[in-house]
C-alpha atoms as a PDB file:
ATOM      1  CA  MET A   1     309.069 142.702 -90.400  1.00  0.00           C
ATOM      2  CA  ARG A   2     305.313 142.228 -90.856  1.00  0.00           C
ATOM      3  CA  LEU A   3     303.603 142.062 -94.207  1.00  0.00           C
ATOM      4  CA  ALA A   4     299.888 142.635 -94.675  1.00  0.00           C
ATOM      5  CA  MET A   5     297.998 139.699 -96.101  1.00  0.00           C
ATOM      6  CA  SER A   6     297.347 140.632 -99.740  1.00  0.00           C
ATOM      7  CA  ASP A   7     294.707 137.972-100.301  1.00  0.00           C
ATOM      8  CA  ASP A   8     291.927 136.390 -98.296  1.00  0.00           C
ATOM      9  CA  THR A   9     293.838 133.335 -97.033  1.00  0.00           C
ATOM     10  CA  ALA A  10     292.711 133.812 -93.437  1.00  0.00           C
ATOM     11  CA  THR A  11     289.137 134.525 -94.518  1.00  0.00           C
ATOM     12  CA  ARG A  12     288.983 131.457 -96.741  1.00  0.00           C
ATOM     13  CA  MET A  13     290.350 129.254 -93.956  1.00  0.00           C
ATOM     14  CA  THR A  14     287.850 130.700 -91.468  1.00  0.00           C
ATOM     15  CA  GLU A  15     284.934 130.181 -93.843  1.00  0.00           C
ATOM     16  CA  ALA A  16     286.070 126.655 -94.713  1.00  0.00           C
ATOM     17  CA  ALA A  17     286.356 125.681 -91.044  1.00  0.00           C
ATOM     18  CA  ALA A  18     282.909 127.142 -90.290  1.00  0.00           C
ATOM     19  CA  ALA A  19     281.349 125.351 -93.276  1.00  0.00           C
ATOM     20  CA  TRP A  20     282.795 122.037 -92.137  1.00  0.00           C
ATOM     21  CA  LEU A  21     281.536 122.507 -88.577  1.00  0.00           C
ATOM     22  CA  ASP A  22     278.070 123.510 -89.847  1.00  0.00           C
ATOM     23  CA  ALA A  23     277.839 120.245 -91.810  1.00  0.00           C
ATOM     24  CA  LEU A  24     278.406 118.092 -88.718  1.00  0.00           C
ATOM     25  CA  SER A  25     275.804 116.550 -86.483  1.00  0.00           C
ATOM     26  CA  SER A  26     275.664 117.744 -82.878  1.00  0.00           C
ATOM     27  CA  GLU A  27     277.483 114.597 -81.749  1.00  0.00           C
ATOM     28  CA  GLN A  28     280.203 115.030 -84.374  1.00  0.00           C
ATOM     29  CA  ARG A  29     280.595 118.707 -83.584  1.00  0.00           C
ATOM     30  CA  ALA A  30     281.016 117.952 -79.887  1.00  0.00           C
ATOM     31  CA  LYS A  31     283.799 115.506 -80.741  1.00  0.00           C
ATOM     32  CA  ALA A  32     285.532 118.008 -83.040  1.00  0.00           C
ATOM     33  CA  SER A  33     285.281 121.090 -80.805  1.00  0.00           C
ATOM     34  CA  PHE A  34     287.545 122.236 -77.979  1.00  0.00           C
ATOM     35  CA  ALA A  35     287.882 125.452 -76.016  1.00  0.00           C
ATOM     36  CA  PHE A  36     290.616 127.714 -77.335  1.00  0.00           C
ATOM     37  CA  ASP A  37     291.984 128.107 -73.818  1.00  0.00           C
ATOM     38  CA  ASP A  38     292.388 124.335 -73.470  1.00  0.00           C
ATOM     39  CA  GLU A  39     296.114 124.961 -73.785  1.00  0.00           C
ATOM     40  CA  GLU A  40     297.172 121.414 -73.035  1.00  0.00           C
ATOM     41  CA  GLU A  41     295.106 119.952 -75.853  1.00  0.00           C
ATOM     42  CA  ARG A  42     295.644 122.811 -78.308  1.00  0.00           C
ATOM     43  CA  THR A  43     299.429 122.552 -78.070  1.00  0.00           C
ATOM     44  CA  SER A  44     299.511 118.770 -78.099  1.00  0.00           C
ATOM     45  CA  TRP A  45     300.652 117.470 -81.462  1.00  0.00           C
ATOM     46  CA  ALA A  46     302.053 114.196 -82.766  1.00  0.00           C
ATOM     47  CA  TYR A  47     303.268 112.581 -85.960  1.00  0.00           C
ATOM     48  CA  PHE A  48     302.867 108.974 -84.792  1.00  0.00           C
ATOM     49  CA  PRO A  49     299.777 106.853 -84.028  1.00  0.00           C
ATOM     50  CA  ARG A  50     298.320 107.666 -80.620  1.00  0.00           C
ATOM     51  CA  ASN A  51     294.956 108.255 -78.996  1.00  0.00           C
ATOM     52  CA  HIS A  52     294.235 111.250 -81.234  1.00  0.00           C
ATOM     53  CA  GLN A  53     291.528 113.705 -80.253  1.00  0.00           C
ATOM     54  CA  GLY A  54     289.078 115.285 -82.671  1.00  0.00           C
ATOM     55  CA  LEU A  55     286.762 113.917 -85.343  1.00  0.00           C
ATOM     56  CA  PRO A  56     288.366 111.371 -87.706  1.00  0.00           C
ATOM     57  CA  LEU A  57     287.632 111.375 -91.417  1.00  0.00           C
ATOM     58  CA  LEU A  58     286.365 107.790 -91.151  1.00  0.00           C
ATOM     59  CA  GLU A  59     283.436 109.045 -89.030  1.00  0.00           C
ATOM     60  CA  GLN A  60     282.415 111.604 -91.663  1.00  0.00           C
ATOM     61  CA  ASP A  61     280.206 111.148 -94.703  1.00  0.00           C
ATOM     62  CA  VAL A  62     281.380 112.020 -98.202  1.00  0.00           C
ATOM     63  CA  ARG A  63     280.110 115.608 -98.085  1.00  0.00           C
ATOM     64  CA  GLN A  64     281.711 116.246 -94.708  1.00  0.00           C
ATOM     65  CA  GLN A  65     285.018 114.793 -95.909  1.00  0.00           C
ATOM     66  CA  LYS A  66     284.894 117.048 -98.971  1.00  0.00           C
ATOM     67  CA  LEU A  67     284.414 120.075 -96.734  1.00  0.00           C
ATOM     68  CA  ALA A  68     287.272 118.933 -94.488  1.00  0.00           C
ATOM     69  CA  HIS A  69     289.531 118.622 -97.521  1.00  0.00           C
ATOM     70  CA  ALA A  70     288.464 122.085 -98.672  1.00  0.00           C
ATOM     71  CA  LEU A  71     289.854 123.353 -95.359  1.00  0.00           C
ATOM     72  CA  PHE A  72     293.100 121.405 -95.800  1.00  0.00           C
ATOM     73  CA  ALA A  73     293.503 122.611 -99.393  1.00  0.00           C
ATOM     74  CA  CYS A  74     293.065 126.322 -98.669  1.00  0.00           C
ATOM     75  CA  SER A  75     295.518 126.068 -95.758  1.00  0.00           C
ATOM     76  CA  LEU A  76     298.361 124.660 -97.859  1.00  0.00           C
ATOM     77  CA  SER A  77     299.948 125.382-101.209  1.00  0.00           C
ATOM     78  CA  LEU A  78     298.789 123.042-103.971  1.00  0.00           C
ATOM     79  CA  PRO A  79     302.070 121.031-103.917  1.00  0.00           C
ATOM     80  CA  ALA A  80     301.872 120.680-100.134  1.00  0.00           C
ATOM     81  CA  TYR A  81     298.215 119.632-100.281  1.00  0.00           C
ATOM     82  CA  ALA A  82     299.102 117.019-102.901  1.00  0.00           C
ATOM     83  CA  LYS A  83     301.945 115.853-100.660  1.00  0.00           C
ATOM     84  CA  ALA A  84     299.677 115.618 -97.606  1.00  0.00           C
ATOM     85  CA  THR A  85     297.016 113.614 -99.424  1.00  0.00           C
ATOM     86  CA  ALA A  86     299.681 111.272-100.843  1.00  0.00           C
ATOM     87  CA  ILE A  87     301.048 110.728 -97.324  1.00  0.00           C
ATOM     88  CA  MET A  88     297.574 109.940 -96.018  1.00  0.00           C
ATOM     89  CA  ALA A  89     296.973 107.452 -98.836  1.00  0.00           C
ATOM     90  CA  LEU A  90     300.233 105.681 -97.936  1.00  0.00           C
ATOM     91  CA  GLU A  91     298.491 104.253 -94.888  1.00  0.00           C
ATOM     92  CA  ASN A  92     296.979 101.614 -97.176  1.00  0.00           C
ATOM     93  CA  VAL A  93     300.420 100.770 -98.570  1.00  0.00           C
ATOM     94  CA  LEU A  94     301.917 100.577 -95.081  1.00  0.00           C
ATOM     95  CA  ASN A  95     299.058  98.332 -93.981  1.00  0.00           C
ATOM     96  CA  GLU A  96     299.955  95.954 -96.806  1.00  0.00           C
ATOM     97  CA  ILE A  97     303.676  96.046 -95.971  1.00  0.00           C
ATOM     98  CA  GLU A  98     303.004  95.324 -92.320  1.00  0.00           C
ATOM     99  CA  GLN A  99     300.291  92.758 -93.146  1.00  0.00           C
ATOM    100  CA  ARG A 100     298.016  94.243 -90.516  1.00  0.00           C
ATOM    101  CA  ARG A 101     294.895  93.411 -92.545  1.00  0.00           C
ATOM    102  CA  ALA A 102     291.977  93.555 -90.120  1.00  0.00           C
ATOM    103  CA  ASP A 103     293.155  96.152 -87.615  1.00  0.00           C
ATOM    104  CA  HIS A 104     292.467  99.853 -88.058  1.00  0.00           C
ATOM    105  CA  VAL A 105     295.831 101.338 -87.069  1.00  0.00           C
ATOM    106  CA  ARG A 106     296.835 101.981 -90.684  1.00  0.00           C
ATOM    107  CA  ASP A 107     293.844 103.691 -92.246  1.00  0.00           C
ATOM    108  CA  PRO A 108     293.577 106.855 -94.408  1.00  0.00           C
ATOM    109  CA  GLY A 109     290.445 107.641 -92.432  1.00  0.00           C
ATOM    110  CA  ARG A 110     292.397 107.934 -89.173  1.00  0.00           C
ATOM    111  CA  TYR A 111     293.181 111.617 -89.611  1.00  0.00           C
ATOM    112  CA  PHE A 112     291.523 113.760 -86.980  1.00  0.00           C
ATOM    113  CA  VAL A 113     290.231 117.319 -87.329  1.00  0.00           C
ATOM    114  CA  SER A 114     289.876 119.585 -84.278  1.00  0.00           C
ATOM    115  CA  VAL A 115     288.690 123.178 -83.939  1.00  0.00           C
ATOM    116  CA  PHE A 116     289.649 125.295 -80.934  1.00  0.00           C
ATOM    117  CA  GLY A 117     287.180 128.061 -80.203  1.00  0.00           C
ATOM    118  CA  THR A 118     284.828 129.331 -82.918  1.00  0.00           C
ATOM    119  CA  PRO A 119     286.040 130.276 -86.416  1.00  0.00           C
ATOM    120  CA  GLY A 120     285.878 134.033 -86.756  1.00  0.00           C
ATOM    121  CA  GLU A 121     286.142 134.818 -83.044  1.00  0.00           C
ATOM    122  CA  LYS A 122     288.961 136.979 -81.656  1.00  0.00           C
ATOM    123  CA  THR A 123     291.124 133.903 -81.139  1.00  0.00           C
ATOM    124  CA  TRP A 124     290.632 130.422 -82.538  1.00  0.00           C
ATOM    125  CA  GLY A 125     292.581 127.654 -84.197  1.00  0.00           C
ATOM    126  CA  TRP A 126     292.344 124.291 -85.866  1.00  0.00           C
ATOM    127  CA  ARG A 127     294.394 121.111 -86.229  1.00  0.00           C
ATOM    128  CA  LEU A 128     294.693 118.156 -88.578  1.00  0.00           C
ATOM    129  CA  GLU A 129     296.562 115.234 -87.083  1.00  0.00           C
ATOM    130  CA  GLY A 130     297.331 111.633 -87.910  1.00  0.00           C
ATOM    131  CA  HIS A 131     300.238 109.409 -88.870  1.00  0.00           C
ATOM    132  CA  HIS A 132     302.840 111.633 -90.552  1.00  0.00           C
ATOM    133  CA  VAL A 133     300.628 114.702 -90.953  1.00  0.00           C
ATOM    134  CA  SER A 134     300.214 117.439 -88.358  1.00  0.00           C
ATOM    135  CA  LEU A 135     298.908 120.901 -89.290  1.00  0.00           C
ATOM    136  CA  ASN A 136     298.353 123.561 -86.619  1.00  0.00           C
ATOM    137  CA  PHE A 137     296.964 127.033 -87.367  1.00  0.00           C
ATOM    138  CA  THR A 138     296.277 129.792 -84.835  1.00  0.00           C
ATOM    139  CA  PHE A 139     294.252 132.967 -85.502  1.00  0.00           C
ATOM    140  CA  ALA A 140     293.845 136.276 -83.689  1.00  0.00           C
ATOM    141  CA  ASP A 141     291.867 139.321 -84.838  1.00  0.00           C
ATOM    142  CA  GLY A 142     291.203 137.778 -88.232  1.00  0.00           C
ATOM    143  CA  GLU A 143     294.859 137.028 -88.983  1.00  0.00           C
ATOM    144  CA  ILE A 144     296.851 133.825 -89.033  1.00  0.00           C
ATOM    145  CA  VAL A 145     299.325 134.456 -86.222  1.00  0.00           C
ATOM    146  CA  SER A 146     300.944 131.025 -86.379  1.00  0.00           C
ATOM    147  CA  PRO A 147     301.035 128.228 -88.999  1.00  0.00           C
ATOM    148  CA  THR A 148     303.398 126.007 -86.984  1.00  0.00           C
ATOM    149  CA  PRO A 149     304.215 123.299 -86.075  1.00  0.00           C
ATOM    150  CA  ILE A 150     303.659 121.871 -89.560  1.00  0.00           C
ATOM    151  CA  PHE A 151     304.784 118.290 -90.058  1.00  0.00           C
ATOM    152  CA  LEU A 152     304.792 116.132 -93.199  1.00  0.00           C
ATOM    153  CA  GLY A 153     306.533 112.754 -93.331  1.00  0.00           C
ATOM    154  CA  ALA A 154     306.224 109.461 -95.180  1.00  0.00           C
ATOM    155  CA  ASN A 155     306.387 105.743 -94.457  1.00  0.00           C
ATOM    156  CA  PRO A 156     307.440 104.230 -96.740  1.00  0.00           C
ATOM    157  CA  ALA A 157     309.448 107.205 -97.917  1.00  0.00           C
ATOM    158  CA  GLU A 158     309.626 105.730-101.399  1.00  0.00           C
ATOM    159  CA  VAL A 159     308.138 102.868-103.354  1.00  0.00           C
ATOM    160  CA  ARG A 160     309.946 101.747-106.497  1.00  0.00           C
ATOM    161  CA  HIS A 161     309.235  99.510-109.455  1.00  0.00           C
ATOM    162  CA  GLY A 162     312.712  98.597-110.639  1.00  0.00           C
ATOM    163  CA  HIS A 163     314.442 101.887-111.359  1.00  0.00           C
ATOM    164  CA  THR A 164     311.180 103.826-111.497  1.00  0.00           C
ATOM    165  CA  VAL A 165     309.971 105.765-108.458  1.00  0.00           C
ATOM    166  CA  VAL A 166     306.269 105.049-107.991  1.00  0.00           C
ATOM    167  CA  THR A 167     305.835 107.434-105.070  1.00  0.00           C
ATOM    168  CA  ARG A 168     308.187 109.578-102.982  1.00  0.00           C
ATOM    169  CA  PRO A 169     306.230 112.387-101.306  1.00  0.00           C
ATOM    170  CA  CYS A 170     309.102 113.968 -99.352  1.00  0.00           C
ATOM    171  CA  ALA A 171     311.740 113.787-102.069  1.00  0.00           C
ATOM    172  CA  GLU A 172     312.557 117.499-102.181  1.00  0.00           C
ATOM    173  CA  GLU A 173     313.152 117.734 -98.422  1.00  0.00           C
ATOM    174  CA  GLU A 174     315.849 115.064 -98.716  1.00  0.00           C
ATOM    175  CA  ASP A 175     317.384 115.858-102.108  1.00  0.00           C
ATOM    176  CA  ALA A 176     317.834 119.595-101.577  1.00  0.00           C
ATOM    177  CA  ALA A 177     319.573 119.074 -98.221  1.00  0.00           C
ATOM    178  CA  ARG A 178     321.904 116.425 -99.631  1.00  0.00           C
ATOM    179  CA  GLU A 179     322.767 118.705-102.577  1.00  0.00           C
ATOM    180  CA  LEU A 180     323.721 121.439-100.107  1.00  0.00           C
ATOM    181  CA  LEU A 181     325.787 119.026 -98.015  1.00  0.00           C
ATOM    182  CA  LEU A 182     327.672 117.689-101.037  1.00  0.00           C
ATOM    183  CA  SER A 183     328.458 121.237-102.181  1.00  0.00           C
ATOM    184  CA  LEU A 184     330.438 121.813 -98.987  1.00  0.00           C
ATOM    185  CA  ASP A 185     334.084 120.975 -98.607  1.00  0.00           C
ATOM    186  CA  GLY A 186     336.927 121.539 -96.181  1.00  0.00           C
ATOM    187  CA  GLU A 187     336.066 123.562 -93.086  1.00  0.00           C
ATOM    188  CA  ARG A 188     332.475 124.173 -94.162  1.00  0.00           C
ATOM    189  CA  ARG A 189     331.816 120.445 -94.452  1.00  0.00           C
ATOM    190  CA  ARG A 190     333.472 119.799 -91.092  1.00  0.00           C
ATOM    191  CA  ALA A 191     331.315 122.482 -89.480  1.00  0.00           C
ATOM    192  CA  ALA A 192     328.098 121.178 -91.050  1.00  0.00           C
ATOM    193  CA  VAL A 193     328.515 117.488 -90.133  1.00  0.00           C
ATOM    194  CA  ILE A 194     327.983 117.453 -86.379  1.00  0.00           C
ATOM    195  CA  CYS A 195     327.934 113.670 -85.921  1.00  0.00           C
ATOM    196  CA  GLY A 196     328.769 110.596 -87.986  1.00  0.00           C
ATOM    197  CA  SER A 197     325.628 108.860 -86.720  1.00  0.00           C
ATOM    198  CA  ALA A 198     322.094 110.136 -87.090  1.00  0.00           C
ATOM    199  CA  PRO A 199     319.684 110.245 -84.148  1.00  0.00           C
ATOM    200  CA  PRO A 200     316.803 107.786 -84.630  1.00  0.00           C
ATOM    201  CA  ASP A 201     314.150 110.516 -84.522  1.00  0.00           C
ATOM    202  CA  PHE A 202     313.735 114.237 -83.839  1.00  0.00           C
ATOM    203  CA  VAL A 203     315.871 115.583 -81.014  1.00  0.00           C
ATOM    204  CA  LEU A 204     312.887 117.672 -79.843  1.00  0.00           C
ATOM    205  CA  SER A 205     310.374 114.868 -80.469  1.00  0.00           C
ATOM    206  CA  ASN A 206     306.867 116.391 -80.347  1.00  0.00           C
ATOM    207  CA  ALA A 207     307.459 118.882 -77.540  1.00  0.00           C
ATOM    208  CA  PRO A 208     304.619 121.419 -77.342  1.00  0.00           C
ATOM    209  CA  ARG A 209     307.164 124.217 -76.991  1.00  0.00           C
ATOM    210  CA  VAL A 210     310.695 124.488 -78.312  1.00  0.00           C
ATOM    211  CA  PRO A 211     312.914 124.241 -75.202  1.00  0.00           C
ATOM    212  CA  GLU A 212     316.013 126.284 -74.474  1.00  0.00           C
ATOM    213  CA  SER A 213     318.077 123.113 -74.856  1.00  0.00           C
ATOM    214  CA  CYS A 214     317.713 119.338 -74.895  1.00  0.00           C
ATOM    215  CA  ARG A 215     319.507 116.133 -75.822  1.00  0.00           C
ATOM    216  CA  PRO A 216     318.108 113.312 -77.945  1.00  0.00           C
ATOM    217  CA  GLY A 217     315.533 111.318 -76.010  1.00  0.00           C
ATOM    218  CA  ASP A 218     315.027 113.923 -73.254  1.00  0.00           C
ATOM    219  CA  LEU A 219     311.581 114.881 -74.548  1.00  0.00           C
ATOM    220  CA  ALA A 220     310.605 111.638 -76.236  1.00  0.00           C
ATOM    221  CA  PRO A 221     307.199 110.193 -75.318  1.00  0.00           C
ATOM    222  CA  ARG A 222     307.084 106.647 -73.973  1.00  0.00           C
ATOM    223  CA  LEU A 223     306.385 105.223 -77.426  1.00  0.00           C
ATOM    224  CA  LEU A 224     309.568 106.728 -78.914  1.00  0.00           C
ATOM    225  CA  ALA A 225     311.938 106.633 -75.927  1.00  0.00           C
ATOM    226  CA  PRO A 226     313.371 103.138 -76.709  1.00  0.00           C
ATOM    227  CA  LEU A 227     314.620 104.402 -80.085  1.00  0.00           C
ATOM    228  CA  PHE A 228     317.279 106.508 -78.354  1.00  0.00           C
ATOM    229  CA  GLY A 229     318.680 103.716 -76.186  1.00  0.00           C
ATOM    230  CA  SER A 230     321.493 102.857 -78.587  1.00  0.00           C
ATOM    231  CA  MET A 231     322.946 106.376 -78.704  1.00  0.00           C
ATOM    232  CA  THR A 232     326.219 107.012 -76.855  1.00  0.00           C
ATOM    233  CA  ASP A 233     326.746 110.031 -74.617  1.00  0.00           C
ATOM    234  CA  GLU A 234     329.091 111.470 -77.219  1.00  0.00           C
ATOM    235  CA  GLN A 235     326.471 111.158 -79.949  1.00  0.00           C
ATOM    236  CA  ARG A 236     323.809 112.709 -77.741  1.00  0.00           C
ATOM    237  CA  ALA A 237     326.077 115.645 -76.971  1.00  0.00           C
ATOM    238  CA  ALA A 238     327.014 116.102 -80.623  1.00  0.00           C
ATOM    239  CA  VAL A 239     323.444 116.475 -81.882  1.00  0.00           C
ATOM    240  CA  ALA A 240     322.004 118.210 -78.786  1.00  0.00           C
ATOM    241  CA  PHE A 241     319.776 121.230 -79.422  1.00  0.00           C
ATOM    242  CA  ASP A 242     320.436 124.673 -77.962  1.00  0.00           C
ATOM    243  CA  VAL A 243     318.464 127.780 -78.867  1.00  0.00           C
ATOM    244  CA  ALA A 244     321.377 130.083 -78.118  1.00  0.00           C
ATOM    245  CA  ARG A 245     324.099 127.972 -79.769  1.00  0.00           C
ATOM    246  CA  PRO A 246     323.009 126.586 -83.139  1.00  0.00           C
ATOM    247  CA  ARG A 247     325.025 123.637 -84.426  1.00  0.00           C
ATOM    248  CA  GLY A 248     326.391 123.349 -87.932  1.00  0.00           C
ATOM    249  CA  VAL A 249     327.606 125.838 -90.511  1.00  0.00           C
ATOM    250  CA  ALA A 250     326.145 129.350 -90.653  1.00  0.00           C
ATOM    251  CA  ALA A 251     324.750 130.763 -93.885  1.00  0.00           C
ATOM    252  CA  SER A 252     327.155 133.682 -93.516  1.00  0.00           C
ATOM    253  CA  ALA A 253     330.085 131.250 -93.859  1.00  0.00           C
ATOM    254  CA  LEU A 254     328.878 129.884 -97.230  1.00  0.00           C
ATOM    255  CA  ASP A 255     329.716 131.103-100.698  1.00  0.00           C
ATOM    256  CA  GLY A 256     327.050 132.537-103.006  1.00  0.00           C
ATOM    257  CA  GLY A 257     326.086 129.263-104.630  1.00  0.00           C
ATOM    258  CA  GLN A 258     325.848 127.470-101.310  1.00  0.00           C
ATOM    259  CA  ARG A 259     323.732 130.250 -99.809  1.00  0.00           C
ATOM    260  CA  LYS A 260     321.382 129.878-102.779  1.00  0.00           C
ATOM    261  CA  LEU A 261     321.068 126.140-102.089  1.00  0.00           C
ATOM    262  CA  LEU A 262     320.376 126.860 -98.417  1.00  0.00           C
ATOM    263  CA  SER A 263     317.756 129.460 -99.326  1.00  0.00           C
ATOM    264  CA  GLU A 264     316.062 126.974-101.654  1.00  0.00           C
ATOM    265  CA  LEU A 265     315.995 124.405 -98.852  1.00  0.00           C
ATOM    266  CA  VAL A 266     314.357 126.918 -96.494  1.00  0.00           C
ATOM    267  CA  ASP A 267     311.801 127.722 -99.210  1.00  0.00           C
ATOM    268  CA  ILE A 268     310.755 124.068 -99.436  1.00  0.00           C
ATOM    269  CA  TYR A 269     309.372 124.395 -95.914  1.00  0.00           C
ATOM    270  CA  THR A 270     307.868 127.894 -96.129  1.00  0.00           C
ATOM    271  CA  ASP A 271     306.323 127.014 -99.493  1.00  0.00           C
ATOM    272  CA  ARG A 272     304.140 124.448 -97.750  1.00  0.00           C
ATOM    273  CA  LEU A 273     301.891 127.468 -97.111  1.00  0.00           C
ATOM    274  CA  PRO A 274     299.779 129.353 -99.670  1.00  0.00           C
ATOM    275  CA  GLU A 275     300.981 132.707-100.896  1.00  0.00           C
ATOM    276  CA  PRO A 276     301.204 135.326 -99.467  1.00  0.00           C
ATOM    277  CA  LEU A 277     301.302 133.568 -96.087  1.00  0.00           C
ATOM    278  CA  ALA A 278     304.471 131.791 -97.212  1.00  0.00           C
ATOM    279  CA  GLN A 279     305.967 135.141 -98.224  1.00  0.00           C
ATOM    280  CA  ARG A 280     305.101 136.653 -94.849  1.00  0.00           C
ATOM    281  CA  GLU A 281     306.659 133.775 -92.917  1.00  0.00           C
ATOM    282  CA  ARG A 282     309.740 133.789 -95.161  1.00  0.00           C
ATOM    283  CA  ALA A 283     310.232 137.502 -94.456  1.00  0.00           C
ATOM    284  CA  LYS A 284     310.566 136.731 -90.737  1.00  0.00           C
ATOM    285  CA  ILE A 285     313.633 134.550 -91.370  1.00  0.00           C
ATOM    286  CA  ASP A 286     317.047 136.181 -91.321  1.00  0.00           C
ATOM    287  CA  ALA A 287     318.701 133.985 -93.932  1.00  0.00           C
ATOM    288  CA  ASP A 288     322.221 135.025 -92.920  1.00  0.00           C
ATOM    289  CA  VAL A 289     321.926 133.535 -89.431  1.00  0.00           C
ATOM    290  CA  VAL A 290     320.327 130.203 -90.361  1.00  0.00           C
ATOM    291  CA  HIS A 291     322.605 127.264 -89.518  1.00  0.00           C
ATOM    292  CA  PHE A 292     322.654 123.964 -91.412  1.00  0.00           C
ATOM    293  CA  ALA A 293     323.661 120.841 -89.482  1.00  0.00           C
ATOM    294  CA  TRP A 294     323.862 117.257 -90.758  1.00  0.00           C
ATOM    295  CA  ALA A 295     324.300 113.960 -88.908  1.00  0.00           C
ATOM    296  CA  GLY A 296     324.750 110.504 -90.393  1.00  0.00           C
ATOM    297  CA  GLU A 297     325.706 109.338 -93.862  1.00  0.00           C
ATOM    298  CA  ASP A 298     325.486 111.296 -97.099  1.00  0.00           C
ATOM    299  CA  LYS A 299     324.198 108.521 -99.398  1.00  0.00           C
ATOM    300  CA  PRO A 300     320.530 107.854-100.226  1.00  0.00           C
ATOM    301  CA  ARG A 301     318.835 105.081 -98.247  1.00  0.00           C
ATOM    302  CA  ARG A 302     321.407 105.422 -95.474  1.00  0.00           C
ATOM    303  CA  PRO A 303     320.453 106.897 -92.066  1.00  0.00           C
ATOM    304  CA  HIS A 304     320.695 110.685 -91.973  1.00  0.00           C
ATOM    305  CA  TYR A 305     319.344 113.714 -90.124  1.00  0.00           C
ATOM    306  CA  TYR A 306     319.569 117.471 -90.603  1.00  0.00           C
ATOM    307  CA  ARG A 307     318.550 120.627 -88.793  1.00  0.00           C
ATOM    308  CA  LEU A 308     317.964 124.185 -89.979  1.00  0.00           C
ATOM    309  CA  GLN A 309     318.059 126.689 -87.140  1.00  0.00           C
ATOM    310  CA  GLY A 310     317.556 130.427 -86.837  1.00  0.00           C
ATOM    311  CA  PRO A 311     315.930 132.641 -84.168  1.00  0.00           C
ATOM    312  CA  SER A 312     312.436 132.300 -85.660  1.00  0.00           C
ATOM    313  CA  PHE A 313     312.904 129.227 -87.839  1.00  0.00           C
ATOM    314  CA  LEU A 314     313.603 125.617 -86.951  1.00  0.00           C
ATOM    315  CA  VAL A 315     313.461 122.484 -89.082  1.00  0.00           C
ATOM    316  CA  GLU A 316     314.184 118.938 -88.014  1.00  0.00           C
ATOM    317  CA  TYR A 317     314.372 116.160 -90.589  1.00  0.00           C
ATOM    318  CA  ASP A 318     315.287 112.513 -90.197  1.00  0.00           C
ATOM    319  CA  ASN A 319     315.304 109.415 -92.370  1.00  0.00           C
ATOM    320  CA  THR A 320     316.673 106.628 -90.192  1.00  0.00           C
ATOM    321  CA  GLN A 321     313.979 104.054 -89.473  1.00  0.00           C
ATOM    322  CA  ASP A 322     312.914 101.070 -91.608  1.00  0.00           C
ATOM    323  CA  GLU A 323     316.264 100.893 -93.413  1.00  0.00           C
ATOM    324  CA  ALA A 324     316.231 104.654 -94.002  1.00  0.00           C
ATOM    325  CA  ASN A 325     312.927 104.534 -95.835  1.00  0.00           C
ATOM    326  CA  HIS A 326     310.851 106.488 -93.299  1.00  0.00           C
ATOM    327  CA  VAL A 327     310.946 110.301 -93.391  1.00  0.00           C
ATOM    328  CA  HIS A 328     309.995 112.857 -90.744  1.00  0.00           C
ATOM    329  CA  ALA A 329     310.167 116.596 -91.496  1.00  0.00           C
ATOM    330  CA  VAL A 330     308.812 119.391 -89.301  1.00  0.00           C
ATOM    331  CA  TRP A 331     308.946 123.189 -89.450  1.00  0.00           C
ATOM    332  CA  ARG A 332     308.652 125.049 -86.139  1.00  0.00           C
ATOM    333  CA  ASN A 333     308.989 128.596 -84.812  1.00  0.00           C
ATOM    334  CA  PRO A 334     310.982 128.525 -81.537  1.00  0.00           C
ATOM    335  CA  ALA A 335     309.178 131.569 -80.145  1.00  0.00           C
ATOM    336  CA  ASN A 336     305.771 131.427 -81.788  1.00  0.00           C
ATOM    337  CA  ASP A 337     304.542 127.841 -82.252  1.00  0.00           C
ATOM    338  CA  PHE A 338     300.788 127.882 -81.638  1.00  0.00           C
ATOM    339  CA  GLY A 339     300.988 131.686 -81.618  1.00  0.00           C
ATOM    340  CA  TYR A 340     302.691 131.992 -78.206  1.00  0.00           C
ATOM    341  CA  ASP A 341     304.334 135.362 -78.882  1.00  0.00           C
ATOM    342  CA  ALA A 342     301.497 136.747 -80.974  1.00  0.00           C
ATOM    343  CA  LEU A 343     298.818 135.797 -78.443  1.00  0.00           C
ATOM    344  CA  ARG A 344     300.833 137.268 -75.589  1.00  0.00           C
ATOM    345  CA  ALA A 345     301.009 140.542 -77.509  1.00  0.00           C
ATOM    346  CA  HIS A 346     297.284 140.314 -78.260  1.00  0.00           C
ATOM    347  CA  VAL A 347     296.415 139.902 -74.576  1.00  0.00           C
ATOM    348  CA  GLY A 348     298.699 142.799 -73.634  1.00  0.00           C
ATOM    349  CA  ALA A 349     297.086 145.085 -76.202  1.00  0.00           C
ATOM    350  CA  HIS A 350     293.450 144.222 -75.480  1.00  0.00           C
ATOM    351  CA  HIS A 351     293.434 143.522 -71.741  1.00  0.00           C
END
């Protein structure tokens, strides 16, 4: 099902990207710009510190940063934009926790903006990437053909003052999934809980394409590979990913109230986008065939992981590191991340 865009979301994003590029110096623009057909770079994404490409916010003046944020804001719903900016600001808090002081690893300015191609051309895209934020948008013929992968995480996941939560950017991603889990009993609960131990990070890591199948650690980059060393073969098999054989309990096996909770959990991820883009992406998801899988413990601040999986919808979430106070949450489209399917159709139609 394909819905027409009923507002100017794609136009506003295109204009915002062009305005930001126009405000850059020639040196800055060269650093921010990549060819659209640089497939290796365009489909490279990460949610951990690495040698990021693009132009970082710390190398932009105040006006340029404002224009960059205008692009971020029109690409996300207001709650998701607030979440993203809170996550970015947490770099200062993490720097204090880790006592890094003089180094520049933890810095709210270390978020990098990249544009692939030219905004408004037949095909183009843009990316925002840094620690715990990765946004990837792909355009063709004036339409947004892919808004995924879209990653938002948090470290620390929460900061408290006594019993008061000072900040907890990814609260809804965790709380809604746990509410669904705790609503299950008997066979449904047994089907949903695929392993008593949670994997230490995403099973798919930051793979540029969703594979047909993989086990935890198979796709992990060198930085993350040691995290998976403590997993047993049985645990790896239990939480393995397979496109054709989703793990967990199917939506069709749930009662009405549980299906509502599952639908609300799916909406948390699609609602990261502005309307009506969120509505369009939600319409692609066949809610009855989405599977919900959980691994790990069911109590807060204990290691846990969950997965939502359907033919065109995939979510991985984990909160296992730093005493289960370190959240990762990504939404992907197994067939169309970075517009793979849409661009293939575009090439077939126009060439």
